[in-house]
Amino acid sequence: MLSLPHSLVFQQIDVEHYQGKMHLSPSGIASSNEQLPIMRLYGVNSSQNSVLLHVHGFLPYLYIPAPEGMQKDDLEEVENSLMVEVFATLYLTLYRL
């Protein structure tokens, strides 16, 4: 993964996302020309300079309320099923299979 030599500290004012070509995949390997989500963060730093940050490799999240009657013992099976689907979709998207 890409590591930066210095910290970037700024006050976030707004955020949006768009679809674009990712420069690096989450594994640090150059990806295909697939259009993937990129976050765009706007803000200002302590010197009052404007900051625009494009965040590649961000994976949006999803909240799903638990179905009626679901118990703690059911969580592992649901989590495993979701992970299989998410990773399969990411793999197919990144490698266009």
C-alpha atoms as a PDB file:
ATOM      1  CA  MET A   1       0.000   0.000   0.000  1.00  0.00           C
ATOM      2  CA  LEU A   2       1.105   3.547  -0.620  1.00  0.00           C
ATOM      3  CA  SER A   3       2.653   5.204   2.436  1.00  0.00           C
ATOM      4  CA  LEU A   4       3.178   8.931   2.738  1.00  0.00           C
ATOM      5  CA  PRO A   5       6.219  10.466   4.480  1.00  0.00           C
ATOM      6  CA  HIS A   6       4.136  13.135   6.275  1.00  0.00           C
ATOM      7  CA  SER A   7       0.758  13.346   7.923  1.00  0.00           C
ATOM      8  CA  LEU A   8      -2.026  15.286   6.288  1.00  0.00           C
ATOM      9  CA  VAL A   9      -4.214  17.063   8.832  1.00  0.00           C
ATOM     10  CA  PHE A  10      -7.169  19.160   7.750  1.00  0.00           C
ATOM     11  CA  GLN A  11     -10.721  20.024   8.729  1.00  0.00           C
ATOM     12  CA  GLN A  12     -13.153  18.255   6.440  1.00  0.00           C
ATOM     13  CA  ILE A  13     -15.895  20.544   5.137  1.00  0.00           C
ATOM     14  CA  ASP A  14     -17.591  18.402   2.512  1.00  0.00           C
ATOM     15  CA  VAL A  15     -17.355  14.958   0.956  1.00  0.00           C
ATOM     16  CA  GLU A  16     -18.667  13.408  -2.243  1.00  0.00           C
ATOM     17  CA  HIS A  17     -17.848  10.461  -4.431  1.00  0.00           C
ATOM     18  CA  TYR A  18     -17.512   9.729  -8.109  1.00  0.00           C
ATOM     19  CA  GLN A  19     -16.651   6.800 -10.349  1.00  0.00           C
ATOM     20  CA  GLY A  20     -13.188   6.810 -11.883  1.00  0.00           C
ATOM     21  CA  LYS A  21     -10.117   4.755 -12.690  1.00  0.00           C
ATOM     22  CA  MET A  22      -8.310   3.652  -9.562  1.00  0.00           C
ATOM     23  CA  HIS A  23      -4.569   4.346  -9.663  1.00  0.00           C
ATOM     24  CA  LEU A  24      -3.784   1.569  -7.175  1.00  0.00           C
ATOM     25  CA  SER A  25      -5.880  -1.384  -6.119  1.00  0.00           C
ATOM     26  CA  PRO A  26      -6.388  -2.031  -2.379  1.00  0.00           C
ATOM     27  CA  SER A  27      -3.536  -4.569  -2.599  1.00  0.00           C
ATOM     28  CA  GLY A  28      -1.184  -1.923  -4.034  1.00  0.00           C
ATOM     29  CA  ILE A  29      -1.203  -3.455  -7.519  1.00  0.00           C
ATOM     30  CA  ALA A  30      -2.129  -1.290 -10.493  1.00  0.00           C
ATOM     31  CA  SER A  31      -5.722  -2.068 -11.392  1.00  0.00           C
ATOM     32  CA  SER A  32      -7.582  -2.371 -14.666  1.00  0.00           C
ATOM     33  CA  ASN A  33      -9.473   0.462 -16.350  1.00  0.00           C
ATOM     34  CA  GLU A  34     -12.597  -0.432 -14.357  1.00  0.00           C
ATOM     35  CA  GLN A  35     -14.611   2.493 -12.986  1.00  0.00           C
ATOM     36  CA  LEU A  36     -14.551   2.269  -9.165  1.00  0.00           C
ATOM     37  CA  PRO A  37     -15.720   4.539  -6.329  1.00  0.00           C
ATOM     38  CA  ILE A  38     -13.375   7.396  -5.387  1.00  0.00           C
ATOM     39  CA  MET A  39     -14.082   9.698  -2.435  1.00  0.00           C
ATOM     40  CA  ARG A  40     -13.423  13.422  -2.830  1.00  0.00           C
ATOM     41  CA  LEU A  41     -12.892  15.299   0.474  1.00  0.00           C
ATOM     42  CA  TYR A  42     -12.838  19.095   0.679  1.00  0.00           C
ATOM     43  CA  GLY A  43     -11.411  21.010   3.614  1.00  0.00           C
ATOM     44  CA  VAL A  44      -8.901  23.498   4.991  1.00  0.00           C
ATOM     45  CA  ASN A  45      -5.640  23.017   6.869  1.00  0.00           C
ATOM     46  CA  SER A  46      -4.367  24.963   9.885  1.00  0.00           C
ATOM     47  CA  SER A  47      -2.881  27.628   7.561  1.00  0.00           C
ATOM     48  CA  GLN A  48      -6.358  28.139   6.021  1.00  0.00           C
ATOM     49  CA  ASN A  49      -5.228  26.633   2.697  1.00  0.00           C
ATOM     50  CA  SER A  50      -7.872  24.719   0.774  1.00  0.00           C
ATOM     51  CA  VAL A  51      -7.423  20.957   0.628  1.00  0.00           C
ATOM     52  CA  LEU A  52      -8.878  18.561  -1.943  1.00  0.00           C
ATOM     53  CA  LEU A  53      -8.168  14.887  -1.288  1.00  0.00           C
ATOM     54  CA  HIS A  54      -9.076  12.056  -3.670  1.00  0.00           C
ATOM     55  CA  VAL A  55      -9.288   8.753  -1.765  1.00  0.00           C
ATOM     56  CA  HIS A  56      -8.788   5.724  -4.003  1.00  0.00           C
ATOM     57  CA  GLY A  57      -9.493   2.234  -2.711  1.00  0.00           C
ATOM     58  CA  PHE A  58     -12.277   3.299  -0.338  1.00  0.00           C
ATOM     59  CA  LEU A  59     -14.918   0.617  -0.064  1.00  0.00           C
ATOM     60  CA  PRO A  60     -18.386   1.971   0.710  1.00  0.00           C
ATOM     61  CA  TYR A  61     -20.213   0.279   3.529  1.00  0.00           C
ATOM     62  CA  LEU A  62     -23.775  -0.831   3.947  1.00  0.00           C
ATOM     63  CA  TYR A  63     -26.017  -1.100   7.004  1.00  0.00           C
ATOM     64  CA  ILE A  64     -28.579  -3.893   7.050  1.00  0.00           C
ATOM     65  CA  PRO A  65     -30.862  -4.213  10.070  1.00  0.00           C
ATOM     66  CA  ALA A  66     -31.011  -7.720  11.537  1.00  0.00           C
ATOM     67  CA  PRO A  67     -34.103  -9.692  10.543  1.00  0.00           C
ATOM     68  CA  GLU A  68     -36.729 -10.329  13.187  1.00  0.00           C
ATOM     69  CA  GLY A  69     -35.761 -13.305  15.347  1.00  0.00           C
ATOM     70  CA  MET A  70     -32.055 -13.297  14.426  1.00  0.00           C
ATOM     71  CA  GLN A  71     -29.820 -14.440  17.282  1.00  0.00           C
ATOM     72  CA  LYS A  72     -26.126 -13.844  18.057  1.00  0.00           C
ATOM     73  CA  ASP A  73     -25.412 -17.441  17.046  1.00  0.00           C
ATOM     74  CA  ASP A  74     -26.545 -16.589  13.488  1.00  0.00           C
ATOM     75  CA  LEU A  75     -24.007 -13.765  13.013  1.00  0.00           C
ATOM     76  CA  GLU A  76     -21.016 -15.879  11.953  1.00  0.00           C
ATOM     77  CA  GLU A  77     -22.954 -17.588   9.152  1.00  0.00           C
ATOM     78  CA  VAL A  78     -24.369 -14.265   7.871  1.00  0.00           C
ATOM     79  CA  GLU A  79     -20.935 -12.580   8.078  1.00  0.00           C
ATOM     80  CA  ASN A  80     -19.272 -15.423   6.157  1.00  0.00           C
ATOM     81  CA  SER A  81     -21.943 -15.333   3.447  1.00  0.00           C
ATOM     82  CA  LEU A  82     -21.582 -11.566   3.026  1.00  0.00           C
ATOM     83  CA  MET A  83     -17.789 -11.751   2.910  1.00  0.00           C
ATOM     84  CA  VAL A  84     -17.869 -14.421   0.195  1.00  0.00           C
ATOM     85  CA  GLU A  85     -20.209 -12.282  -1.924  1.00  0.00           C
ATOM     86  CA  VAL A  86     -18.266  -9.031  -1.371  1.00  0.00           C
ATOM     87  CA  PHE A  87     -14.858 -10.555  -2.152  1.00  0.00           C
ATOM     88  CA  ALA A  88     -16.212 -12.397  -5.194  1.00  0.00           C
ATOM     89  CA  THR A  89     -17.724  -9.168  -6.533  1.00  0.00           C
ATOM     90  CA  LEU A  90     -14.527  -7.184  -5.884  1.00  0.00           C
ATOM     91  CA  TYR A  91     -12.405  -9.843  -7.561  1.00  0.00           C
ATOM     92  CA  LEU A  92     -14.658  -9.953 -10.609  1.00  0.00           C
ATOM     93  CA  THR A  93     -14.741  -6.140 -10.799  1.00  0.00           C
ATOM     94  CA  LEU A  94     -10.982  -5.649 -10.463  1.00  0.00           C
ATOM     95  CA  TYR A  95      -9.959  -8.462 -12.762  1.00  0.00           C
ATOM     96  CA  ARG A  96     -12.963  -8.374 -15.131  1.00  0.00           C
ATOM     97  CA  LEU A  97     -13.558 -12.119 -15.226  1.00  0.00           C
END
